[in-house]
N, C-alpha and C. Protein backbone atom coordinates (compact mmCIF):
# COMPACT_ATOMS: atom_id res chain seq x y z
N MET A 1 0.83 -1.21 0.00
CA MET A 1 0.00 0.00 0.00
C MET A 1 0.86 1.25 0.00
N LYS A 2 1.84 1.26 0.91
CA LYS A 2 2.72 2.42 0.99
C LYS A 2 3.51 2.60 -0.30
N LYS A 3 3.95 1.45 -0.89
CA LYS A 3 4.72 1.54 -2.13
C LYS A 3 3.88 2.12 -3.26
N SER A 4 2.62 1.70 -3.35
CA SER A 4 1.76 2.21 -4.42
C SER A 4 1.51 3.71 -4.25
N VAL A 5 1.36 4.16 -3.00
CA VAL A 5 1.17 5.59 -2.74
C VAL A 5 2.42 6.37 -3.13
N VAL A 6 3.58 5.84 -2.78
CA VAL A 6 4.85 6.50 -3.11
C VAL A 6 5.03 6.57 -4.62
N PHE A 7 4.77 5.43 -5.30
CA PHE A 7 4.91 5.42 -6.75
C PHE A 7 3.93 6.38 -7.42
N SER A 8 2.70 6.44 -6.88
CA SER A 8 1.70 7.38 -7.43
C SER A 8 2.15 8.82 -7.25
N ALA A 9 2.67 9.12 -6.07
CA ALA A 9 3.15 10.47 -5.80
C ALA A 9 4.32 10.84 -6.72
N LEU A 10 5.25 9.90 -6.88
CA LEU A 10 6.39 10.14 -7.77
C LEU A 10 5.94 10.33 -9.21
N ALA A 11 4.95 9.54 -9.63
CA ALA A 11 4.44 9.66 -11.00
C ALA A 11 3.81 11.03 -11.22
N ILE A 12 3.04 11.49 -10.22
CA ILE A 12 2.40 12.81 -10.34
C ILE A 12 3.45 13.91 -10.41
N VAL A 13 4.46 13.84 -9.53
CA VAL A 13 5.54 14.84 -9.54
C VAL A 13 6.26 14.83 -10.88
N LEU A 14 6.54 13.65 -11.42
CA LEU A 14 7.23 13.54 -12.70
C LEU A 14 6.42 14.14 -13.83
N VAL A 15 5.12 13.85 -13.86
CA VAL A 15 4.24 14.39 -14.89
C VAL A 15 4.19 15.92 -14.81
N LEU A 16 4.04 16.44 -13.59
CA LEU A 16 4.02 17.90 -13.42
C LEU A 16 5.33 18.53 -13.84
N PHE A 17 6.44 17.89 -13.49
CA PHE A 17 7.75 18.41 -13.86
C PHE A 17 7.93 18.46 -15.37
N LEU A 18 7.56 17.35 -16.05
CA LEU A 18 7.69 17.31 -17.51
C LEU A 18 6.74 18.29 -18.18
N SER A 19 5.54 18.44 -17.64
CA SER A 19 4.58 19.38 -18.21
C SER A 19 5.08 20.81 -18.09
N ASN A 20 5.61 21.15 -16.91
CA ASN A 20 6.12 22.51 -16.71
C ASN A 20 7.30 22.77 -17.62
N ASN A 21 8.20 21.79 -17.75
CA ASN A 21 9.34 21.96 -18.64
C ASN A 21 8.90 22.13 -20.08
N LYS A 22 7.87 21.37 -20.48
CA LYS A 22 7.38 21.47 -21.85
C LYS A 22 6.79 22.85 -22.11
N LEU A 23 5.99 23.35 -21.16
CA LEU A 23 5.42 24.67 -21.31
C LEU A 23 6.50 25.74 -21.33
N PHE A 24 7.48 25.59 -20.47
CA PHE A 24 8.57 26.55 -20.41
C PHE A 24 9.34 26.56 -21.72
N ALA A 25 9.60 25.37 -22.26
CA ALA A 25 10.34 25.28 -23.52
C ALA A 25 9.55 25.86 -24.66
N GLN A 26 8.21 25.68 -24.64
CA GLN A 26 7.41 26.25 -25.71
C GLN A 26 7.42 27.78 -25.64
N PHE A 27 7.39 28.32 -24.43
CA PHE A 27 7.38 29.77 -24.30
C PHE A 27 8.72 30.37 -24.72
N GLU A 28 9.82 29.71 -24.33
CA GLU A 28 11.15 30.23 -24.63
C GLU A 28 11.56 29.80 -26.04
N GLN A 29 11.21 30.62 -27.01
CA GLN A 29 11.55 30.35 -28.39
C GLN A 29 12.83 31.11 -28.74
N LYS A 30 13.73 30.43 -29.42
CA LYS A 30 14.95 31.11 -29.85
C LYS A 30 14.68 32.09 -30.98
N PHE A 31 13.91 31.66 -31.99
CA PHE A 31 13.63 32.50 -33.15
C PHE A 31 12.14 32.80 -33.24
N THR A 32 11.82 34.06 -33.52
CA THR A 32 10.44 34.51 -33.66
C THR A 32 10.31 35.34 -34.93
N LEU A 33 9.32 35.01 -35.76
CA LEU A 33 9.03 35.82 -36.93
C LEU A 33 8.18 37.02 -36.51
N GLN A 34 8.39 38.16 -37.19
CA GLN A 34 7.66 39.37 -36.84
C GLN A 34 7.13 40.04 -38.11
N LEU A 35 5.85 40.41 -38.09
CA LEU A 35 5.21 41.13 -39.19
C LEU A 35 4.44 42.31 -38.61
N SER A 36 4.50 43.46 -39.28
CA SER A 36 3.77 44.63 -38.78
C SER A 36 3.52 45.63 -39.90
N GLY A 37 2.56 46.50 -39.66
CA GLY A 37 2.25 47.57 -40.59
C GLY A 37 1.62 48.71 -39.83
N GLY A 38 1.68 49.92 -40.41
CA GLY A 38 1.11 51.04 -39.70
C GLY A 38 1.18 52.36 -40.41
N TYR A 39 0.99 53.41 -39.64
CA TYR A 39 0.86 54.79 -40.10
C TYR A 39 2.13 55.56 -39.79
N VAL A 40 2.55 56.43 -40.71
CA VAL A 40 3.75 57.25 -40.52
C VAL A 40 3.38 58.72 -40.68
N GLN A 41 3.89 59.56 -39.79
CA GLN A 41 3.67 61.01 -39.84
C GLN A 41 5.02 61.72 -39.87
N SER A 42 5.27 62.54 -40.89
CA SER A 42 6.55 63.24 -40.99
C SER A 42 6.63 64.38 -39.98
N LEU A 43 7.86 64.64 -39.50
CA LEU A 43 8.08 65.69 -38.51
C LEU A 43 8.94 66.83 -39.02
N SER A 44 10.01 66.52 -39.71
CA SER A 44 10.97 67.53 -40.16
C SER A 44 11.82 66.95 -41.29
N PRO A 45 12.49 67.82 -42.05
CA PRO A 45 12.50 69.29 -42.03
C PRO A 45 11.30 69.88 -42.77
N ASP A 46 11.20 71.20 -42.78
CA ASP A 46 10.03 71.87 -43.35
C ASP A 46 9.84 71.58 -44.83
N PHE A 47 10.95 71.53 -45.60
CA PHE A 47 10.81 71.30 -47.04
C PHE A 47 10.19 69.93 -47.32
N PHE A 48 10.41 68.97 -46.40
CA PHE A 48 9.87 67.63 -46.59
C PHE A 48 8.43 67.55 -46.11
N THR A 49 8.15 68.08 -44.91
CA THR A 49 6.81 67.98 -44.35
C THR A 49 5.78 68.80 -45.14
N SER A 50 6.24 69.84 -45.84
CA SER A 50 5.31 70.64 -46.64
C SER A 50 4.80 69.86 -47.86
N VAL A 51 5.51 68.82 -48.24
CA VAL A 51 5.12 68.02 -49.41
C VAL A 51 4.62 66.64 -49.00
N PHE A 52 5.39 65.97 -48.13
CA PHE A 52 5.06 64.62 -47.67
C PHE A 52 4.60 64.67 -46.22
N GLU A 53 3.31 64.64 -45.99
CA GLU A 53 2.80 64.77 -44.62
C GLU A 53 2.71 63.43 -43.90
N ASN A 54 2.19 62.41 -44.57
CA ASN A 54 2.01 61.13 -43.90
C ASN A 54 2.07 60.00 -44.92
N GLY A 55 2.03 58.77 -44.40
CA GLY A 55 2.09 57.62 -45.28
C GLY A 55 1.90 56.33 -44.49
N PHE A 56 2.47 55.25 -45.00
CA PHE A 56 2.31 53.96 -44.35
C PHE A 56 3.60 53.17 -44.46
N SER A 57 3.72 52.13 -43.64
CA SER A 57 4.93 51.31 -43.63
C SER A 57 4.57 49.85 -43.37
N PHE A 58 5.45 48.97 -43.85
CA PHE A 58 5.35 47.54 -43.59
C PHE A 58 6.72 47.01 -43.18
N ASP A 59 6.74 46.13 -42.18
CA ASP A 59 7.98 45.51 -41.71
C ASP A 59 7.81 44.00 -41.70
N ALA A 60 8.91 43.30 -41.97
CA ALA A 60 8.92 41.83 -41.86
C ALA A 60 10.32 41.40 -41.49
N GLY A 61 10.43 40.47 -40.55
CA GLY A 61 11.76 40.02 -40.16
C GLY A 61 11.71 38.97 -39.09
N ALA A 62 12.79 38.89 -38.33
CA ALA A 62 12.90 37.86 -37.30
C ALA A 62 13.64 38.43 -36.09
N GLN A 63 13.37 37.84 -34.93
CA GLN A 63 14.11 38.22 -33.74
C GLN A 63 14.71 36.98 -33.09
N TYR A 64 15.92 37.16 -32.59
CA TYR A 64 16.60 36.10 -31.86
C TYR A 64 16.47 36.41 -30.38
N ASN A 65 15.91 35.48 -29.62
CA ASN A 65 15.63 35.70 -28.21
C ASN A 65 16.77 35.14 -27.35
N PHE A 66 17.56 36.03 -26.77
CA PHE A 66 18.61 35.60 -25.85
C PHE A 66 18.01 35.08 -24.54
N SER A 67 16.91 35.69 -24.14
CA SER A 67 16.21 35.29 -22.92
C SER A 67 14.78 35.77 -23.04
N ARG A 68 13.99 35.60 -21.97
CA ARG A 68 12.63 36.13 -21.99
C ARG A 68 12.61 37.65 -22.07
N SER A 69 13.66 38.30 -21.60
CA SER A 69 13.69 39.76 -21.53
C SER A 69 14.37 40.41 -22.72
N LEU A 70 15.41 39.79 -23.26
CA LEU A 70 16.25 40.45 -24.25
C LEU A 70 16.22 39.73 -25.60
N SER A 71 15.97 40.49 -26.66
CA SER A 71 15.95 39.96 -28.02
C SER A 71 16.73 40.90 -28.93
N PHE A 72 17.10 40.37 -30.10
CA PHE A 72 17.72 41.18 -31.15
C PHE A 72 16.90 41.00 -32.42
N VAL A 73 16.41 42.11 -32.98
CA VAL A 73 15.46 42.08 -34.08
C VAL A 73 16.13 42.57 -35.37
N VAL A 74 15.92 41.82 -36.45
CA VAL A 74 16.37 42.23 -37.79
C VAL A 74 15.12 42.35 -38.66
N LEU A 75 14.88 43.55 -39.23
CA LEU A 75 13.66 43.79 -39.99
C LEU A 75 13.96 44.39 -41.35
N ALA A 76 13.28 43.88 -42.37
CA ALA A 76 13.23 44.53 -43.67
C ALA A 76 12.03 45.48 -43.65
N LYS A 77 12.23 46.73 -44.08
CA LYS A 77 11.21 47.75 -43.92
C LYS A 77 10.89 48.40 -45.27
N TYR A 78 9.62 48.71 -45.45
CA TYR A 78 9.19 49.49 -46.61
C TYR A 78 8.28 50.61 -46.13
N ALA A 79 8.53 51.83 -46.61
CA ALA A 79 7.70 52.97 -46.25
C ALA A 79 7.40 53.80 -47.49
N LYS A 80 6.23 54.37 -47.50
CA LYS A 80 5.82 55.24 -48.60
C LYS A 80 5.09 56.44 -48.02
N PHE A 81 5.57 57.64 -48.34
CA PHE A 81 4.87 58.86 -47.97
C PHE A 81 3.98 59.28 -49.12
N LEU A 82 2.82 59.84 -48.78
CA LEU A 82 1.83 60.24 -49.77
C LEU A 82 1.74 61.76 -49.83
N SER A 83 1.33 62.27 -51.00
CA SER A 83 1.18 63.72 -51.16
C SER A 83 0.22 64.00 -52.30
N ASP A 84 -0.47 65.13 -52.21
CA ASP A 84 -1.34 65.60 -53.29
C ASP A 84 -0.54 66.55 -54.17
N PHE A 85 0.18 65.99 -55.17
CA PHE A 85 1.08 66.82 -55.98
C PHE A 85 0.32 67.80 -56.86
N GLU A 86 -0.98 67.55 -57.10
CA GLU A 86 -1.76 68.46 -57.95
C GLU A 86 -1.90 69.84 -57.33
N SER A 87 -1.74 69.92 -56.01
CA SER A 87 -1.86 71.21 -55.34
C SER A 87 -0.54 71.98 -55.33
N LEU A 88 0.54 71.35 -55.83
CA LEU A 88 1.85 72.01 -55.84
C LEU A 88 2.12 72.60 -57.22
N SER A 89 2.35 73.89 -57.26
CA SER A 89 2.56 74.59 -58.52
C SER A 89 3.86 74.14 -59.19
N GLY A 90 3.79 73.81 -60.46
CA GLY A 90 4.98 73.45 -61.23
C GLY A 90 5.40 72.00 -61.11
N VAL A 91 4.70 71.21 -60.28
CA VAL A 91 5.08 69.82 -60.09
C VAL A 91 4.20 68.92 -60.96
N SER A 92 4.82 68.09 -61.77
CA SER A 92 4.07 67.20 -62.66
C SER A 92 4.01 65.77 -62.14
N GLU A 93 4.91 65.42 -61.21
CA GLU A 93 4.89 64.08 -60.63
C GLU A 93 5.61 64.12 -59.29
N ILE A 94 5.14 63.30 -58.36
CA ILE A 94 5.78 63.26 -57.06
C ILE A 94 5.76 61.82 -56.55
N LYS A 95 6.85 61.39 -55.95
CA LYS A 95 6.88 60.04 -55.40
C LYS A 95 7.92 59.95 -54.28
N TYR A 96 7.67 59.05 -53.36
CA TYR A 96 8.61 58.78 -52.27
C TYR A 96 8.52 57.30 -51.90
N ASN A 97 9.67 56.64 -51.87
CA ASN A 97 9.74 55.25 -51.45
C ASN A 97 11.01 55.04 -50.63
N GLN A 98 10.91 54.19 -49.63
CA GLN A 98 12.06 53.86 -48.78
C GLN A 98 12.07 52.37 -48.50
N ILE A 99 13.19 51.74 -48.75
CA ILE A 99 13.40 50.34 -48.41
C ILE A 99 14.59 50.29 -47.47
N GLY A 100 14.46 49.61 -46.36
CA GLY A 100 15.54 49.62 -45.38
C GLY A 100 15.69 48.31 -44.64
N LEU A 101 16.78 48.23 -43.91
CA LEU A 101 17.07 47.10 -43.03
C LEU A 101 17.45 47.67 -41.67
N SER A 102 16.70 47.31 -40.62
CA SER A 102 16.98 47.83 -39.29
C SER A 102 17.43 46.72 -38.36
N LEU A 103 18.32 47.07 -37.44
CA LEU A 103 18.87 46.16 -36.44
C LEU A 103 18.60 46.76 -35.07
N CYS A 104 17.78 46.08 -34.26
CA CYS A 104 17.32 46.67 -33.01
C CYS A 104 17.34 45.68 -31.85
N PRO A 105 18.05 45.97 -30.78
CA PRO A 105 17.83 45.23 -29.54
C PRO A 105 16.46 45.58 -28.97
N LYS A 106 15.81 44.61 -28.31
CA LYS A 106 14.49 44.82 -27.70
C LYS A 106 14.54 44.29 -26.27
N TYR A 107 14.03 45.10 -25.34
CA TYR A 107 14.02 44.69 -23.93
C TYR A 107 12.58 44.67 -23.42
N ARG A 108 12.14 43.53 -22.87
CA ARG A 108 10.80 43.37 -22.30
C ARG A 108 10.86 43.58 -20.79
N PHE A 109 9.89 44.33 -20.26
CA PHE A 109 9.92 44.69 -18.84
C PHE A 109 9.28 43.63 -17.94
N ILE A 110 8.21 42.95 -18.42
CA ILE A 110 7.52 41.96 -17.59
C ILE A 110 7.39 40.67 -18.41
N PRO A 111 8.48 39.94 -18.60
CA PRO A 111 8.47 38.80 -19.53
C PRO A 111 7.54 37.66 -19.14
N SER A 112 7.18 37.53 -17.87
CA SER A 112 6.31 36.43 -17.45
C SER A 112 4.82 36.75 -17.61
N SER A 113 4.50 37.99 -17.99
CA SER A 113 3.12 38.41 -18.10
C SER A 113 2.59 38.23 -19.53
N LYS A 114 1.28 38.02 -19.64
CA LYS A 114 0.66 37.95 -20.96
C LYS A 114 0.65 39.32 -21.64
N VAL A 115 0.60 40.38 -20.84
CA VAL A 115 0.67 41.75 -21.35
C VAL A 115 2.03 42.30 -20.96
N ASN A 116 2.88 42.52 -21.94
CA ASN A 116 4.29 42.76 -21.67
C ASN A 116 4.80 44.01 -22.38
N PRO A 117 5.01 45.12 -21.67
CA PRO A 117 5.58 46.31 -22.30
C PRO A 117 7.07 46.11 -22.62
N TYR A 118 7.54 46.79 -23.68
CA TYR A 118 8.93 46.67 -24.08
C TYR A 118 9.44 47.97 -24.70
N MET A 119 10.73 48.07 -24.81
CA MET A 119 11.37 49.18 -25.51
C MET A 119 12.38 48.63 -26.49
N TYR A 120 12.67 49.39 -27.54
CA TYR A 120 13.62 48.95 -28.56
C TYR A 120 14.28 50.17 -29.19
N GLY A 121 15.41 49.94 -29.83
CA GLY A 121 16.11 51.02 -30.51
C GLY A 121 17.31 50.49 -31.25
N GLY A 122 17.64 51.11 -32.37
CA GLY A 122 18.78 50.62 -33.13
C GLY A 122 19.03 51.45 -34.37
N PHE A 123 19.74 50.84 -35.32
CA PHE A 123 20.19 51.53 -36.51
C PHE A 123 19.54 50.94 -37.75
N SER A 124 19.62 51.70 -38.85
CA SER A 124 19.06 51.21 -40.11
C SER A 124 19.91 51.66 -41.29
N LEU A 125 19.89 50.87 -42.33
CA LEU A 125 20.44 51.22 -43.62
C LEU A 125 19.29 51.29 -44.60
N ASN A 126 19.23 52.35 -45.41
CA ASN A 126 18.05 52.60 -46.24
C ASN A 126 18.43 52.93 -47.67
N TYR A 127 17.56 52.53 -48.58
CA TYR A 127 17.59 53.02 -49.95
C TYR A 127 16.40 53.95 -50.10
N ILE A 128 16.67 55.21 -50.40
CA ILE A 128 15.63 56.24 -50.45
C ILE A 128 15.52 56.78 -51.86
N SER A 129 14.30 56.87 -52.36
CA SER A 129 14.05 57.45 -53.66
C SER A 129 12.86 58.39 -53.55
N PHE A 130 13.13 59.71 -53.65
CA PHE A 130 12.01 60.63 -53.76
C PHE A 130 12.30 61.65 -54.84
N ASN A 131 11.24 62.07 -55.51
CA ASN A 131 11.39 62.90 -56.69
C ASN A 131 10.18 63.81 -56.84
N LEU A 132 10.43 65.09 -57.01
CA LEU A 132 9.40 66.04 -57.36
C LEU A 132 9.75 66.59 -58.74
N ILE A 133 9.16 66.02 -59.77
CA ILE A 133 9.46 66.45 -61.14
C ILE A 133 8.85 67.82 -61.36
N GLY A 134 9.72 68.76 -61.68
CA GLY A 134 9.30 70.15 -61.87
C GLY A 134 9.94 71.09 -60.87
N LEU A 135 10.50 70.55 -59.78
CA LEU A 135 11.20 71.38 -58.80
C LEU A 135 12.66 70.94 -58.73
N PRO A 136 13.58 71.73 -59.26
CA PRO A 136 15.00 71.35 -59.24
C PRO A 136 15.52 71.20 -57.81
N GLY A 137 16.35 70.21 -57.59
CA GLY A 137 16.97 70.01 -56.29
C GLY A 137 16.18 69.12 -55.36
N TYR A 138 14.96 68.78 -55.72
CA TYR A 138 14.13 67.93 -54.86
C TYR A 138 14.09 66.51 -55.40
N THR A 139 15.26 65.97 -55.62
CA THR A 139 15.37 64.60 -56.11
C THR A 139 16.48 63.91 -55.35
N GLN A 140 16.23 62.71 -54.90
CA GLN A 140 17.29 61.93 -54.26
C GLN A 140 17.10 60.46 -54.58
N THR A 141 18.14 59.86 -55.03
CA THR A 141 18.21 58.41 -55.14
C THR A 141 19.53 58.01 -54.51
N SER A 142 19.48 57.50 -53.31
CA SER A 142 20.68 57.22 -52.54
C SER A 142 20.90 55.71 -52.43
N PRO A 143 22.06 55.22 -52.80
CA PRO A 143 22.31 53.78 -52.67
C PRO A 143 22.35 53.32 -51.22
N ALA A 144 22.72 54.21 -50.32
CA ALA A 144 22.77 53.84 -48.90
C ALA A 144 22.60 55.08 -48.05
N SER A 145 21.65 55.05 -47.15
CA SER A 145 21.40 56.16 -46.25
C SER A 145 21.33 55.63 -44.83
N PHE A 146 22.09 56.23 -43.94
CA PHE A 146 22.15 55.79 -42.55
C PHE A 146 21.01 56.39 -41.75
N GLY A 147 20.46 55.62 -40.81
CA GLY A 147 19.39 56.13 -39.97
C GLY A 147 19.33 55.44 -38.63
N PHE A 148 18.39 55.84 -37.80
CA PHE A 148 18.17 55.19 -36.52
C PHE A 148 16.69 55.23 -36.16
N THR A 149 16.28 54.33 -35.29
CA THR A 149 14.88 54.22 -34.90
C THR A 149 14.78 53.74 -33.46
N GLY A 150 13.65 53.98 -32.84
CA GLY A 150 13.44 53.53 -31.48
C GLY A 150 12.02 53.82 -31.02
N GLY A 151 11.58 53.09 -29.98
CA GLY A 151 10.24 53.33 -29.50
C GLY A 151 9.84 52.41 -28.37
N LEU A 152 8.53 52.41 -28.08
CA LEU A 152 7.94 51.60 -27.02
C LEU A 152 6.78 50.79 -27.59
N GLY A 153 6.50 49.65 -26.97
CA GLY A 153 5.39 48.84 -27.42
C GLY A 153 4.87 47.94 -26.32
N ILE A 154 3.80 47.22 -26.64
CA ILE A 154 3.19 46.25 -25.72
C ILE A 154 2.88 44.97 -26.48
N ASP A 155 3.36 43.84 -25.95
CA ASP A 155 3.02 42.52 -26.47
C ASP A 155 1.78 41.99 -25.76
N PHE A 156 0.89 41.35 -26.52
CA PHE A 156 -0.26 40.65 -25.96
C PHE A 156 -0.11 39.18 -26.34
N ARG A 157 0.37 38.37 -25.41
CA ARG A 157 0.65 36.97 -25.73
C ARG A 157 -0.64 36.17 -25.76
N VAL A 158 -1.01 35.70 -26.95
CA VAL A 158 -2.21 34.89 -27.13
C VAL A 158 -1.94 33.45 -26.75
N SER A 159 -0.77 32.94 -27.14
CA SER A 159 -0.35 31.59 -26.80
C SER A 159 1.16 31.57 -26.72
N ASP A 160 1.74 30.40 -26.44
CA ASP A 160 3.19 30.31 -26.36
C ASP A 160 3.86 30.56 -27.71
N ASN A 161 3.11 30.40 -28.80
CA ASN A 161 3.68 30.53 -30.13
C ASN A 161 3.18 31.75 -30.91
N PHE A 162 2.30 32.54 -30.30
CA PHE A 162 1.71 33.65 -31.06
C PHE A 162 1.42 34.82 -30.13
N ALA A 163 1.80 36.03 -30.59
CA ALA A 163 1.53 37.25 -29.82
C ALA A 163 1.20 38.39 -30.77
N LEU A 164 0.33 39.26 -30.33
CA LEU A 164 0.02 40.50 -31.05
C LEU A 164 0.73 41.65 -30.34
N PHE A 165 1.06 42.71 -31.08
CA PHE A 165 1.70 43.85 -30.43
C PHE A 165 1.26 45.16 -31.06
N VAL A 166 1.36 46.20 -30.27
CA VAL A 166 1.14 47.58 -30.70
C VAL A 166 2.38 48.36 -30.30
N GLN A 167 2.93 49.13 -31.22
CA GLN A 167 4.13 49.89 -30.88
C GLN A 167 4.14 51.23 -31.62
N GLY A 168 4.89 52.16 -31.06
CA GLY A 168 5.05 53.46 -31.68
C GLY A 168 6.46 53.95 -31.44
N GLY A 169 6.95 54.80 -32.34
CA GLY A 169 8.32 55.24 -32.17
C GLY A 169 8.71 56.39 -33.08
N TYR A 170 10.00 56.64 -33.09
CA TYR A 170 10.61 57.74 -33.82
C TYR A 170 11.61 57.16 -34.82
N ASN A 171 11.63 57.73 -36.02
CA ASN A 171 12.54 57.26 -37.06
C ASN A 171 13.20 58.46 -37.72
N ALA A 172 14.48 58.36 -38.00
CA ALA A 172 15.20 59.44 -38.69
C ALA A 172 16.26 58.84 -39.59
N PHE A 173 16.51 59.50 -40.73
CA PHE A 173 17.55 59.05 -41.65
C PHE A 173 18.11 60.24 -42.40
N SER A 174 19.32 60.10 -42.88
CA SER A 174 19.99 61.19 -43.59
C SER A 174 19.54 61.22 -45.04
N SER A 175 19.35 62.42 -45.56
CA SER A 175 18.99 62.61 -46.96
C SER A 175 20.03 63.52 -47.61
N LYS A 176 19.82 63.79 -48.87
CA LYS A 176 20.75 64.65 -49.61
C LYS A 176 20.80 66.06 -49.04
N ARG A 177 19.65 66.54 -48.52
CA ARG A 177 19.55 67.92 -48.05
C ARG A 177 19.62 68.03 -46.53
N ASP A 178 19.09 67.03 -45.81
CA ASP A 178 18.97 67.18 -44.36
C ASP A 178 18.60 65.82 -43.76
N TRP A 179 18.44 65.79 -42.41
CA TRP A 179 17.91 64.61 -41.75
C TRP A 179 16.39 64.67 -41.82
N ILE A 180 15.77 63.60 -42.24
CA ILE A 180 14.32 63.50 -42.32
C ILE A 180 13.83 62.65 -41.15
N SER A 181 12.87 63.17 -40.38
CA SER A 181 12.39 62.46 -39.21
C SER A 181 10.88 62.26 -39.28
N SER A 182 10.42 61.22 -38.60
CA SER A 182 8.99 60.92 -38.58
C SER A 182 8.66 60.12 -37.32
N VAL A 183 7.38 60.05 -37.01
CA VAL A 183 6.89 59.18 -35.95
C VAL A 183 5.95 58.17 -36.59
N TYR A 184 5.78 57.03 -35.94
CA TYR A 184 4.95 55.99 -36.53
C TYR A 184 4.23 55.19 -35.45
N THR A 185 3.13 54.58 -35.84
CA THR A 185 2.35 53.67 -35.01
C THR A 185 2.11 52.41 -35.81
N GLN A 186 2.33 51.25 -35.19
CA GLN A 186 2.20 49.98 -35.90
C GLN A 186 1.44 48.95 -35.06
N ILE A 187 0.79 48.04 -35.76
CA ILE A 187 0.26 46.84 -35.13
C ILE A 187 0.87 45.64 -35.85
N GLY A 188 1.05 44.54 -35.15
CA GLY A 188 1.69 43.40 -35.79
C GLY A 188 1.56 42.13 -34.98
N ALA A 189 2.28 41.11 -35.43
CA ALA A 189 2.22 39.79 -34.80
C ALA A 189 3.61 39.18 -34.72
N ASN A 190 3.85 38.45 -33.65
CA ASN A 190 5.06 37.64 -33.48
C ASN A 190 4.66 36.17 -33.53
N ILE A 191 5.34 35.41 -34.36
CA ILE A 191 5.03 34.00 -34.54
C ILE A 191 6.28 33.18 -34.22
N SER A 192 6.21 32.35 -33.21
CA SER A 192 7.35 31.51 -32.81
C SER A 192 7.20 30.13 -33.43
N MET A 193 8.28 29.66 -34.06
CA MET A 193 8.21 28.40 -34.79
C MET A 193 9.22 27.36 -34.33
N PHE A 194 10.28 27.79 -33.70
CA PHE A 194 11.36 26.87 -33.36
C PHE A 194 11.52 26.79 -31.84
N LYS A 195 11.31 25.63 -31.28
CA LYS A 195 11.41 25.46 -29.83
C LYS A 195 12.86 25.43 -29.39
N SER A 196 13.08 25.93 -28.19
CA SER A 196 14.42 25.87 -27.59
C SER A 196 14.34 25.08 -26.31
N LYS A 197 15.16 24.06 -26.18
CA LYS A 197 15.17 23.26 -24.96
C LYS A 197 16.38 23.62 -24.07
N SER A 198 17.14 24.61 -24.51
CA SER A 198 18.35 24.97 -23.77
C SER A 198 18.14 26.11 -22.80
N LEU A 199 17.04 26.87 -22.96
CA LEU A 199 16.82 28.02 -22.08
C LEU A 199 16.11 27.60 -20.81
């Protein structure tokens, strides 16, 4: 009788231990895919904001999770600013496109919570093409433009493998004439696909 009770107790402890380890391993993912999109509002300089007021952006990439708190994110980014060129005298065509690659450390403040605020910041390399046909000097096609970005966000963990997030931040990059800056708001998803048993 005593042996059966002991074996039952050991079996229960073992099952709980394995279950907890499995859940922990599922939560601690080494690699996470990230997708997001949102709204962009230009801030400066005046020559840029007078023409390109706002637009949209899309990001796609992956993050490597060193721990529950610290990650490193690599994102491919696309942004487009919009403008009503018909209201600009002498302009026959207007366009703006930006393709970039950003590298950002990310720090989560409450990693054990389903609702988890975080901060991030880093650098970017960009290909920028904007053109106002009809206005001399307002054209740039740069093979490489240096920039930086940073902001705050909140993760909403739906499951161990899926989370939604809302984030906002500041972005700036060098142009032919000046530094161009903007703020943005994004919504997106993190999808974890590869389990880690080492964390």
